[in-house]
Amino acid sequence: MSEENNNEELRPSKMRGVAFPKAKYGAILAIIVIIVVNLIFYKETIFSFFK
């Protein structure tokens, strides 16, 4: 029983009330950010293929 209590209290006391998003949402957000940054930096190259 005491082992279960130790597993629940791994986070610091100030972070216990914070709800963290699921990891899949972070992965999706990272992919979207990578695509947007690449579009900003390489938009001339990308749009030159459509001409």
C-alpha atoms as a PDB file:
ATOM      1  CA  MET A   1       0.000   0.000   0.000  1.00  0.00           C
ATOM      2  CA  SER A   2       2.790   2.433   0.829  1.00  0.00           C
ATOM      3  CA  GLU A   3       4.393   1.678  -2.531  1.00  0.00           C
ATOM      4  CA  GLU A   4       1.255   2.912  -4.320  1.00  0.00           C
ATOM      5  CA  ASN A   5       1.375   6.207  -2.392  1.00  0.00           C
ATOM      6  CA  ASN A   6       5.003   6.731  -3.400  1.00  0.00           C
ATOM      7  CA  ASN A   7       4.126   6.275  -7.087  1.00  0.00           C
ATOM      8  CA  GLU A   8       1.371   8.900  -6.931  1.00  0.00           C
ATOM      9  CA  GLU A   9       3.578  11.594  -5.364  1.00  0.00           C
ATOM     10  CA  LEU A  10       6.391  11.676  -7.930  1.00  0.00           C
ATOM     11  CA  ARG A  11       5.613  15.198  -9.155  1.00  0.00           C
ATOM     12  CA  PRO A  12       6.582  18.270  -7.118  1.00  0.00           C
ATOM     13  CA  SER A  13       3.829  19.719  -4.928  1.00  0.00           C
ATOM     14  CA  LYS A  14       3.310  22.815  -7.098  1.00  0.00           C
ATOM     15  CA  MET A  15       2.874  20.699 -10.243  1.00  0.00           C
ATOM     16  CA  ARG A  16       0.330  18.218  -8.843  1.00  0.00           C
ATOM     17  CA  GLY A  17      -2.667  20.343  -9.865  1.00  0.00           C
ATOM     18  CA  VAL A  18      -1.388  21.001 -13.395  1.00  0.00           C
ATOM     19  CA  ALA A  19      -3.057  18.941 -16.110  1.00  0.00           C
ATOM     20  CA  PHE A  20      -0.499  17.926 -18.725  1.00  0.00           C
ATOM     21  CA  PRO A  21      -1.672  17.298 -22.312  1.00  0.00           C
ATOM     22  CA  LYS A  22      -1.304  13.880 -23.881  1.00  0.00           C
ATOM     23  CA  ALA A  23       1.984  13.149 -25.630  1.00  0.00           C
ATOM     24  CA  LYS A  24       0.297  12.663 -29.015  1.00  0.00           C
ATOM     25  CA  TYR A  25      -0.854  16.292 -29.002  1.00  0.00           C
ATOM     26  CA  GLY A  26       2.717  17.416 -28.429  1.00  0.00           C
ATOM     27  CA  ALA A  27       3.906  15.293 -31.342  1.00  0.00           C
ATOM     28  CA  ILE A  28       1.211  16.704 -33.629  1.00  0.00           C
ATOM     29  CA  LEU A  29       2.085  20.249 -32.544  1.00  0.00           C
ATOM     30  CA  ALA A  30       5.789  19.622 -33.211  1.00  0.00           C
ATOM     31  CA  ILE A  31       5.033  18.352 -36.739  1.00  0.00           C
ATOM     32  CA  ILE A  32       2.841  21.380 -37.468  1.00  0.00           C
ATOM     33  CA  VAL A  33       5.557  23.771 -36.223  1.00  0.00           C
ATOM     34  CA  ILE A  34       8.183  22.049 -38.389  1.00  0.00           C
ATOM     35  CA  ILE A  35       5.961  22.309 -41.479  1.00  0.00           C
ATOM     36  CA  VAL A  36       5.177  25.989 -40.855  1.00  0.00           C
ATOM     37  CA  VAL A  37       8.838  26.893 -40.294  1.00  0.00           C
ATOM     38  CA  ASN A  38       9.849  25.066 -43.474  1.00  0.00           C
ATOM     39  CA  LEU A  39       7.147  26.868 -45.434  1.00  0.00           C
ATOM     40  CA  ILE A  40       8.420  30.219 -44.157  1.00  0.00           C
ATOM     41  CA  PHE A  41      12.072  29.521 -44.978  1.00  0.00           C
ATOM     42  CA  TYR A  42      11.616  27.642 -48.262  1.00  0.00           C
ATOM     43  CA  LYS A  43       8.448  29.189 -49.702  1.00  0.00           C
ATOM     44  CA  GLU A  44      10.247  30.517 -52.801  1.00  0.00           C
ATOM     45  CA  THR A  45      11.691  27.085 -53.564  1.00  0.00           C
ATOM     46  CA  ILE A  46       8.380  25.323 -52.931  1.00  0.00           C
ATOM     47  CA  PHE A  47       6.346  27.745 -55.054  1.00  0.00           C
ATOM     48  CA  SER A  48       8.871  27.595 -57.897  1.00  0.00           C
ATOM     49  CA  PHE A  49       7.858  23.951 -58.481  1.00  0.00           C
ATOM     50  CA  PHE A  50       4.268  25.044 -59.236  1.00  0.00           C
ATOM     51  CA  LYS A  51       5.256  27.565 -61.943  1.00  0.00           C
END
